[in-house]
Amino acid sequence: MIAKLDSSPLGLAVRIARIDWAAMSEDEGRRLREFGLLEGCEVTPRHRGSIFSRDPLALTIGRMQVIIRARQAAAIEVESTI
């Protein structure tokens, strides 16, 4: 089942199925690629901003912790790894 990364449950690993690079600026896309956010990559959402905001979103990619904006996460489609 395909879902958006911004609505994925915390603590459960998901695999990136598709990224809408056109929904981001060139700099944002380059930064996410440098962090290793690419199709096929496994990520785990860890923490969201606050009760009133879903921004930012903390992810684990391999051994690295990365923070991205909720609107960037909304441009990323993921699927369950199970």
PDB file of N, CA and C in Angstrom:
ATOM      1  N   MET A   1       0.837  -1.182   0.000  1.00  0.00           N
ATOM      2  CA  MET A   1       0.000   0.000   0.000  1.00  0.00           C
ATOM      3  C   MET A   1       0.886   1.251   0.000  1.00  0.00           C
ATOM      4  N   ILE A   2       0.598   2.185  -0.868  1.00  0.00           N
ATOM      5  CA  ILE A   2       1.364   3.423  -0.995  1.00  0.00           C
ATOM      6  C   ILE A   2       0.732   4.497  -0.114  1.00  0.00           C
ATOM      7  N   ALA A   3       1.569   5.231   0.623  1.00  0.00           N
ATOM      8  CA  ALA A   3       1.125   6.338   1.474  1.00  0.00           C
ATOM      9  C   ALA A   3       2.154   7.455   1.359  1.00  0.00           C
ATOM     10  N   LYS A   4       1.861   8.585   1.941  1.00  0.00           N
ATOM     11  CA  LYS A   4       2.804   9.703   1.965  1.00  0.00           C
ATOM     12  C   LYS A   4       3.647   9.608   3.242  1.00  0.00           C
ATOM     13  N   LEU A   5       4.893   9.984   3.149  1.00  0.00           N
ATOM     14  CA  LEU A   5       5.799   9.917   4.294  1.00  0.00           C
ATOM     15  C   LEU A   5       5.317  10.789   5.446  1.00  0.00           C
ATOM     16  N   ASP A   6       4.693  11.932   5.152  1.00  0.00           N
ATOM     17  CA  ASP A   6       4.248  12.824   6.230  1.00  0.00           C
ATOM     18  C   ASP A   6       3.131  12.229   7.085  1.00  0.00           C
ATOM     19  N   SER A   7       2.456  11.179   6.585  1.00  0.00           N
ATOM     20  CA  SER A   7       1.385  10.554   7.366  1.00  0.00           C
ATOM     21  C   SER A   7       1.747   9.139   7.819  1.00  0.00           C
ATOM     22  N   SER A   8       2.990   8.731   7.630  1.00  0.00           N
ATOM     23  CA  SER A   8       3.429   7.401   8.051  1.00  0.00           C
ATOM     24  C   SER A   8       3.523   7.333   9.571  1.00  0.00           C
ATOM     25  N   PRO A   9       3.210   6.164  10.145  1.00  0.00           N
ATOM     26  CA  PRO A   9       3.295   6.022  11.596  1.00  0.00           C
ATOM     27  C   PRO A   9       4.735   6.116  12.085  1.00  0.00           C
ATOM     28  N   LEU A  10       4.903   6.691  13.249  1.00  0.00           N
ATOM     29  CA  LEU A  10       6.231   6.832  13.838  1.00  0.00           C
ATOM     30  C   LEU A  10       6.759   5.473  14.291  1.00  0.00           C
ATOM     31  N   GLY A  11       8.053   5.270  14.111  1.00  0.00           N
ATOM     32  CA  GLY A  11       8.709   4.063  14.589  1.00  0.00           C
ATOM     33  C   GLY A  11       8.650   2.865  13.657  1.00  0.00           C
ATOM     34  N   LEU A  12       7.903   2.944  12.554  1.00  0.00           N
ATOM     35  CA  LEU A  12       7.809   1.830  11.614  1.00  0.00           C
ATOM     36  C   LEU A  12       8.579   2.149  10.331  1.00  0.00           C
ATOM     37  N   ALA A  13       9.476   1.250   9.968  1.00  0.00           N
ATOM     38  CA  ALA A  13      10.287   1.460   8.765  1.00  0.00           C
ATOM     39  C   ALA A  13       9.413   1.368   7.519  1.00  0.00           C
ATOM     40  N   VAL A  14       9.693   2.246   6.564  1.00  0.00           N
ATOM     41  CA  VAL A  14       9.005   2.250   5.273  1.00  0.00           C
ATOM     42  C   VAL A  14      10.054   2.393   4.170  1.00  0.00           C
ATOM     43  N   ARG A  15       9.680   1.997   2.961  1.00  0.00           N
ATOM     44  CA  ARG A  15      10.575   2.114   1.805  1.00  0.00           C
ATOM     45  C   ARG A  15      10.047   3.207   0.887  1.00  0.00           C
ATOM     46  N   ILE A  16      10.941   4.053   0.407  1.00  0.00           N
ATOM     47  CA  ILE A  16      10.544   5.137  -0.493  1.00  0.00           C
ATOM     48  C   ILE A  16      10.207   4.541  -1.857  1.00  0.00           C
ATOM     49  N   ALA A  17       8.971   4.775  -2.300  1.00  0.00           N
ATOM     50  CA  ALA A  17       8.511   4.256  -3.582  1.00  0.00           C
ATOM     51  C   ALA A  17       8.697   5.284  -4.693  1.00  0.00           C
ATOM     52  N   ARG A  18       8.419   6.555  -4.393  1.00  0.00           N
ATOM     53  CA  ARG A  18       8.517   7.604  -5.406  1.00  0.00           C
ATOM     54  C   ARG A  18       8.690   8.947  -4.732  1.00  0.00           C
ATOM     55  N   ILE A  19       9.465   9.820  -5.352  1.00  0.00           N
ATOM     56  CA  ILE A  19       9.654  11.185  -4.850  1.00  0.00           C
ATOM     57  C   ILE A  19       9.272  12.154  -5.950  1.00  0.00           C
ATOM     58  N   ASP A  20       8.421  13.101  -5.617  1.00  0.00           N
ATOM     59  CA  ASP A  20       8.007  14.146  -6.566  1.00  0.00           C
ATOM     60  C   ASP A  20       9.011  15.295  -6.463  1.00  0.00           C
ATOM     61  N   TRP A  21      10.098  15.188  -7.206  1.00  0.00           N
ATOM     62  CA  TRP A  21      11.161  16.202  -7.138  1.00  0.00           C
ATOM     63  C   TRP A  21      10.671  17.567  -7.610  1.00  0.00           C
ATOM     64  N   ALA A  22       9.672  17.605  -8.467  1.00  0.00           N
ATOM     65  CA  ALA A  22       9.145  18.866  -8.985  1.00  0.00           C
ATOM     66  C   ALA A  22       8.427  19.664  -7.900  1.00  0.00           C
ATOM     67  N   ALA A  23       8.033  19.011  -6.808  1.00  0.00           N
ATOM     68  CA  ALA A  23       7.334  19.698  -5.716  1.00  0.00           C
ATOM     69  C   ALA A  23       8.300  20.447  -4.796  1.00  0.00           C
ATOM     70  N   MET A  24       9.606  20.324  -5.058  1.00  0.00           N
ATOM     71  CA  MET A  24      10.630  20.961  -4.214  1.00  0.00           C
ATOM     72  C   MET A  24      11.519  21.858  -5.056  1.00  0.00           C
ATOM     73  N   SER A  25      12.198  22.746  -4.362  1.00  0.00           N
ATOM     74  CA  SER A  25      13.180  23.567  -5.065  1.00  0.00           C
ATOM     75  C   SER A  25      14.391  22.690  -5.405  1.00  0.00           C
ATOM     76  N   GLU A  26      15.219  23.192  -6.294  1.00  0.00           N
ATOM     77  CA  GLU A  26      16.428  22.466  -6.685  1.00  0.00           C
ATOM     78  C   GLU A  26      17.334  22.217  -5.482  1.00  0.00           C
ATOM     79  N   ASP A  27      17.484  23.230  -4.617  1.00  0.00           N
ATOM     80  CA  ASP A  27      18.328  23.096  -3.425  1.00  0.00           C
ATOM     81  C   ASP A  27      17.778  22.058  -2.449  1.00  0.00           C
ATOM     82  N   GLU A  28      16.449  22.053  -2.268  1.00  0.00           N
ATOM     83  CA  GLU A  28      15.834  21.066  -1.370  1.00  0.00           C
ATOM     84  C   GLU A  28      16.065  19.654  -1.899  1.00  0.00           C
ATOM     85  N   GLY A  29      15.861  19.459  -3.185  1.00  0.00           N
ATOM     86  CA  GLY A  29      16.073  18.149  -3.788  1.00  0.00           C
ATOM     87  C   GLY A  29      17.507  17.684  -3.657  1.00  0.00           C
ATOM     88  N   ARG A  30      18.442  18.585  -3.906  1.00  0.00           N
ATOM     89  CA  ARG A  30      19.864  18.232  -3.783  1.00  0.00           C
ATOM     90  C   ARG A  30      20.191  17.831  -2.354  1.00  0.00           C
ATOM     91  N   ARG A  31      19.689  18.596  -1.377  1.00  0.00           N
ATOM     92  CA  ARG A  31      19.942  18.307   0.040  1.00  0.00           C
ATOM     93  C   ARG A  31      19.397  16.926   0.419  1.00  0.00           C
ATOM     94  N   LEU A  32      18.165  16.606  -0.011  1.00  0.00           N
ATOM     95  CA  LEU A  32      17.584  15.311   0.323  1.00  0.00           C
ATOM     96  C   LEU A  32      18.362  14.169  -0.333  1.00  0.00           C
ATOM     97  N   ARG A  33      18.805  14.371  -1.574  1.00  0.00           N
ATOM     98  CA  ARG A  33      19.615  13.341  -2.236  1.00  0.00           C
ATOM     99  C   ARG A  33      20.949  13.155  -1.514  1.00  0.00           C
ATOM    100  N   GLU A  34      21.552  14.235  -1.029  1.00  0.00           N
ATOM    101  CA  GLU A  34      22.816  14.139  -0.292  1.00  0.00           C
ATOM    102  C   GLU A  34      22.638  13.353   1.004  1.00  0.00           C
ATOM    103  N   PHE A  35      21.446  13.433   1.589  1.00  0.00           N
ATOM    104  CA  PHE A  35      21.149  12.667   2.805  1.00  0.00           C
ATOM    105  C   PHE A  35      20.845  11.203   2.499  1.00  0.00           C
ATOM    106  N   GLY A  36      20.693  10.868   1.225  1.00  0.00           N
ATOM    107  CA  GLY A  36      20.418   9.496   0.852  1.00  0.00           C
ATOM    108  C   GLY A  36      18.951   9.172   0.660  1.00  0.00           C
ATOM    109  N   LEU A  37      18.106  10.203   0.611  1.00  0.00           N
ATOM    110  CA  LEU A  37      16.679   9.980   0.374  1.00  0.00           C
ATOM    111  C   LEU A  37      16.449   9.760  -1.121  1.00  0.00           C
ATOM    112  N   LEU A  38      16.375   8.492  -1.512  1.00  0.00           N
ATOM    113  CA  LEU A  38      16.199   8.107  -2.911  1.00  0.00           C
ATOM    114  C   LEU A  38      15.195   6.974  -2.984  1.00  0.00           C
ATOM    115  N   GLU A  39      14.613   6.749  -4.157  1.00  0.00           N
ATOM    116  CA  GLU A  39      13.697   5.639  -4.340  1.00  0.00           C
ATOM    117  C   GLU A  39      14.382   4.334  -3.941  1.00  0.00           C
ATOM    118  N   GLY A  40      13.656   3.497  -3.198  1.00  0.00           N
ATOM    119  CA  GLY A  40      14.202   2.220  -2.742  1.00  0.00           C
ATOM    120  C   GLY A  40      14.849   2.272  -1.376  1.00  0.00           C
ATOM    121  N   CYS A  41      15.101   3.462  -0.873  1.00  0.00           N
ATOM    122  CA  CYS A  41      15.751   3.645   0.427  1.00  0.00           C
ATOM    123  C   CYS A  41      14.759   3.350   1.558  1.00  0.00           C
ATOM    124  N   GLU A  42      15.242   2.745   2.634  1.00  0.00           N
ATOM    125  CA  GLU A  42      14.404   2.486   3.807  1.00  0.00           C
ATOM    126  C   GLU A  42      14.623   3.595   4.838  1.00  0.00           C
ATOM    127  N   VAL A  43      13.529   4.158   5.338  1.00  0.00           N
ATOM    128  CA  VAL A  43      13.587   5.217   6.346  1.00  0.00           C
ATOM    129  C   VAL A  43      12.605   4.889   7.468  1.00  0.00           C
ATOM    130  N   THR A  44      12.859   5.453   8.646  1.00  0.00           N
ATOM    131  CA  THR A  44      11.959   5.279   9.781  1.00  0.00           C
ATOM    132  C   THR A  44      11.602   6.647  10.335  1.00  0.00           C
ATOM    133  N   PRO A  45      10.329   7.061  10.243  1.00  0.00           N
ATOM    134  CA  PRO A  45       9.902   8.316  10.867  1.00  0.00           C
ATOM    135  C   PRO A  45      10.019   8.172  12.385  1.00  0.00           C
ATOM    136  N   ARG A  46      10.658   9.139  13.055  1.00  0.00           N
ATOM    137  CA  ARG A  46      10.912   9.040  14.491  1.00  0.00           C
ATOM    138  C   ARG A  46      10.113  10.034  15.333  1.00  0.00           C
ATOM    139  N   HIS A  47       9.983  11.260  14.842  1.00  0.00           N
ATOM    140  CA  HIS A  47       9.376  12.302  15.685  1.00  0.00           C
ATOM    141  C   HIS A  47       8.810  13.412  14.809  1.00  0.00           C
ATOM    142  N   ARG A  48       7.644  13.926  15.203  1.00  0.00           N
ATOM    143  CA  ARG A  48       7.056  15.084  14.524  1.00  0.00           C
ATOM    144  C   ARG A  48       7.136  16.279  15.441  1.00  0.00           C
ATOM    145  N   GLY A  49       7.097  17.469  14.850  1.00  0.00           N
ATOM    146  CA  GLY A  49       7.236  18.733  15.561  1.00  0.00           C
ATOM    147  C   GLY A  49       6.548  18.831  16.895  1.00  0.00           C
ATOM    148  N   SER A  50       5.289  19.185  16.907  1.00  0.00           N
ATOM    149  CA  SER A  50       4.573  19.385  18.162  1.00  0.00           C
ATOM    150  C   SER A  50       3.138  18.911  18.006  1.00  0.00           C
ATOM    151  N   ILE A  51       2.373  19.077  19.031  1.00  0.00           N
ATOM    152  CA  ILE A  51       0.962  18.689  19.002  1.00  0.00           C
ATOM    153  C   ILE A  51       0.214  19.465  17.919  1.00  0.00           C
ATOM    154  N   PHE A  52       0.562  20.732  17.743  1.00  0.00           N
ATOM    155  CA  PHE A  52      -0.168  21.601  16.833  1.00  0.00           C
ATOM    156  C   PHE A  52       0.405  21.640  15.416  1.00  0.00           C
ATOM    157  N   SER A  53       1.567  21.036  15.221  1.00  0.00           N
ATOM    158  CA  SER A  53       2.219  21.091  13.917  1.00  0.00           C
ATOM    159  C   SER A  53       2.866  19.749  13.602  1.00  0.00           C
ATOM    160  N   ARG A  54       2.844  19.371  12.341  1.00  0.00           N
ATOM    161  CA  ARG A  54       3.514  18.138  11.921  1.00  0.00           C
ATOM    162  C   ARG A  54       4.906  18.464  11.372  1.00  0.00           C
ATOM    163  N   ASP A  55       5.361  19.669  11.598  1.00  0.00           N
ATOM    164  CA  ASP A  55       6.615  20.153  11.039  1.00  0.00           C
ATOM    165  C   ASP A  55       7.613  20.433  12.155  1.00  0.00           C
ATOM    166  N   PRO A  56       8.823  20.027  12.080  1.00  0.00           N
ATOM    167  CA  PRO A  56       9.466  19.169  11.085  1.00  0.00           C
ATOM    168  C   PRO A  56       9.265  17.691  11.418  1.00  0.00           C
ATOM    169  N   LEU A  57       9.814  16.839  10.565  1.00  0.00           N
ATOM    170  CA  LEU A  57       9.741  15.390  10.739  1.00  0.00           C
ATOM    171  C   LEU A  57      11.159  14.854  10.845  1.00  0.00           C
ATOM    172  N   ALA A  58      11.435  14.126  11.925  1.00  0.00           N
ATOM    173  CA  ALA A  58      12.750  13.506  12.109  1.00  0.00           C
ATOM    174  C   ALA A  58      12.699  12.089  11.557  1.00  0.00           C
ATOM    175  N   LEU A  59      13.702  11.723  10.770  1.00  0.00           N
ATOM    176  CA  LEU A  59      13.798  10.404  10.144  1.00  0.00           C
ATOM    177  C   LEU A  59      15.118   9.746  10.503  1.00  0.00           C
ATOM    178  N   THR A  60      15.116   8.430  10.523  1.00  0.00           N
ATOM    179  CA  THR A  60      16.359   7.673  10.593  1.00  0.00           C
ATOM    180  C   THR A  60      16.585   7.055   9.221  1.00  0.00           C
ATOM    181  N   ILE A  61      17.766   7.321   8.669  1.00  0.00           N
ATOM    182  CA  ILE A  61      18.185   6.737   7.393  1.00  0.00           C
ATOM    183  C   ILE A  61      19.503   6.028   7.681  1.00  0.00           C
ATOM    184  N   GLY A  62      19.463   4.720   7.716  1.00  0.00           N
ATOM    185  CA  GLY A  62      20.662   3.974   8.112  1.00  0.00           C
ATOM    186  C   GLY A  62      21.008   4.316   9.553  1.00  0.00           C
ATOM    187  N   ARG A  63      22.203   4.842   9.774  1.00  0.00           N
ATOM    188  CA  ARG A  63      22.627   5.255  11.121  1.00  0.00           C
ATOM    189  C   ARG A  63      22.482   6.748  11.335  1.00  0.00           C
ATOM    190  N   MET A  64      21.922   7.452  10.372  1.00  0.00           N
ATOM    191  CA  MET A  64      21.855   8.915  10.411  1.00  0.00           C
ATOM    192  C   MET A  64      20.451   9.390  10.774  1.00  0.00           C
ATOM    193  N   GLN A  65      20.373  10.465  11.565  1.00  0.00           N
ATOM    194  CA  GLN A  65      19.113  11.149  11.867  1.00  0.00           C
ATOM    195  C   GLN A  65      19.033  12.386  10.980  1.00  0.00           C
ATOM    196  N   VAL A  66      17.893  12.574  10.307  1.00  0.00           N
ATOM    197  CA  VAL A  66      17.702  13.689   9.381  1.00  0.00           C
ATOM    198  C   VAL A  66      16.386  14.367   9.716  1.00  0.00           C
ATOM    199  N   ILE A  67      16.358  15.688   9.618  1.00  0.00           N
ATOM    200  CA  ILE A  67      15.138  16.459   9.829  1.00  0.00           C
ATOM    201  C   ILE A  67      14.713  17.042   8.480  1.00  0.00           C
ATOM    202  N   ILE A  68      13.432  16.824   8.114  1.00  0.00           N
ATOM    203  CA  ILE A  68      12.908  17.413   6.882  1.00  0.00           C
ATOM    204  C   ILE A  68      11.591  18.116   7.181  1.00  0.00           C
ATOM    205  N   ARG A  69      11.187  18.977   6.300  1.00  0.00           N
ATOM    206  CA  ARG A  69       9.919  19.703   6.426  1.00  0.00           C
ATOM    207  C   ARG A  69       8.743  18.784   6.079  1.00  0.00           C
ATOM    208  N   ALA A  70       7.582  19.068   6.658  1.00  0.00           N
ATOM    209  CA  ALA A  70       6.384  18.274   6.392  1.00  0.00           C
ATOM    210  C   ALA A  70       6.001  18.349   4.915  1.00  0.00           C
ATOM    211  N   ARG A  71       6.165  19.497   4.274  1.00  0.00           N
ATOM    212  CA  ARG A  71       5.796  19.598   2.858  1.00  0.00           C
ATOM    213  C   ARG A  71       6.749  18.805   1.973  1.00  0.00           C
ATOM    214  N   GLN A  72       8.003  18.638   2.404  1.00  0.00           N
ATOM    215  CA  GLN A  72       8.923  17.768   1.669  1.00  0.00           C
ATOM    216  C   GLN A  72       8.499  16.313   1.843  1.00  0.00           C
ATOM    217  N   ALA A  73       8.124  15.937   3.074  1.00  0.00           N
ATOM    218  CA  ALA A  73       7.668  14.570   3.349  1.00  0.00           C
ATOM    219  C   ALA A  73       6.394  14.254   2.577  1.00  0.00           C
ATOM    220  N   ALA A  74       5.553  15.270   2.345  1.00  0.00           N
ATOM    221  CA  ALA A  74       4.309  15.071   1.592  1.00  0.00           C
ATOM    222  C   ALA A  74       4.579  14.754   0.120  1.00  0.00           C
ATOM    223  N   ALA A  75       5.763  15.076  -0.368  1.00  0.00           N
ATOM    224  CA  ALA A  75       6.132  14.805  -1.765  1.00  0.00           C
ATOM    225  C   ALA A  75       6.779  13.428  -1.927  1.00  0.00           C
ATOM    226  N   ILE A  76       6.869  12.677  -0.826  1.00  0.00           N
ATOM    227  CA  ILE A  76       7.523  11.377  -0.846  1.00  0.00           C
ATOM    228  C   ILE A  76       6.483  10.287  -0.587  1.00  0.00           C
ATOM    229  N   GLU A  77       6.336   9.373  -1.553  1.00  0.00           N
ATOM    230  CA  GLU A  77       5.428   8.235  -1.395  1.00  0.00           C
ATOM    231  C   GLU A  77       6.215   7.054  -0.876  1.00  0.00           C
ATOM    232  N   VAL A  78       5.646   6.362   0.113  1.00  0.00           N
ATOM    233  CA  VAL A  78       6.330   5.228   0.739  1.00  0.00           C
ATOM    234  C   VAL A  78       5.423   4.003   0.739  1.00  0.00           C
ATOM    235  N   GLU A  79       6.059   2.847   0.934  1.00  0.00           N
ATOM    236  CA  GLU A  79       5.325   1.594   1.067  1.00  0.00           C
ATOM    237  C   GLU A  79       5.896   0.818   2.249  1.00  0.00           C
ATOM    238  N   SER A  80       5.094  -0.038   2.812  1.00  0.00           N
ATOM    239  CA  SER A  80       5.497  -0.834   3.960  1.00  0.00           C
ATOM    240  C   SER A  80       6.644  -1.762   3.583  1.00  0.00           C
ATOM    241  N   THR A  81       7.518  -2.029   4.529  1.00  0.00           N
ATOM    242  CA  THR A  81       8.625  -2.958   4.296  1.00  0.00           C
ATOM    243  C   THR A  81       8.229  -4.382   4.676  1.00  0.00           C
ATOM    244  N   ILE A  82       7.062  -4.552   5.226  1.00  0.00           N
ATOM    245  CA  ILE A  82       6.597  -5.878   5.671  1.00  0.00           C
ATOM    246  C   ILE A  82       5.854  -6.583   4.553  1.00  0.00           C
TER     247      ILE A  82
END
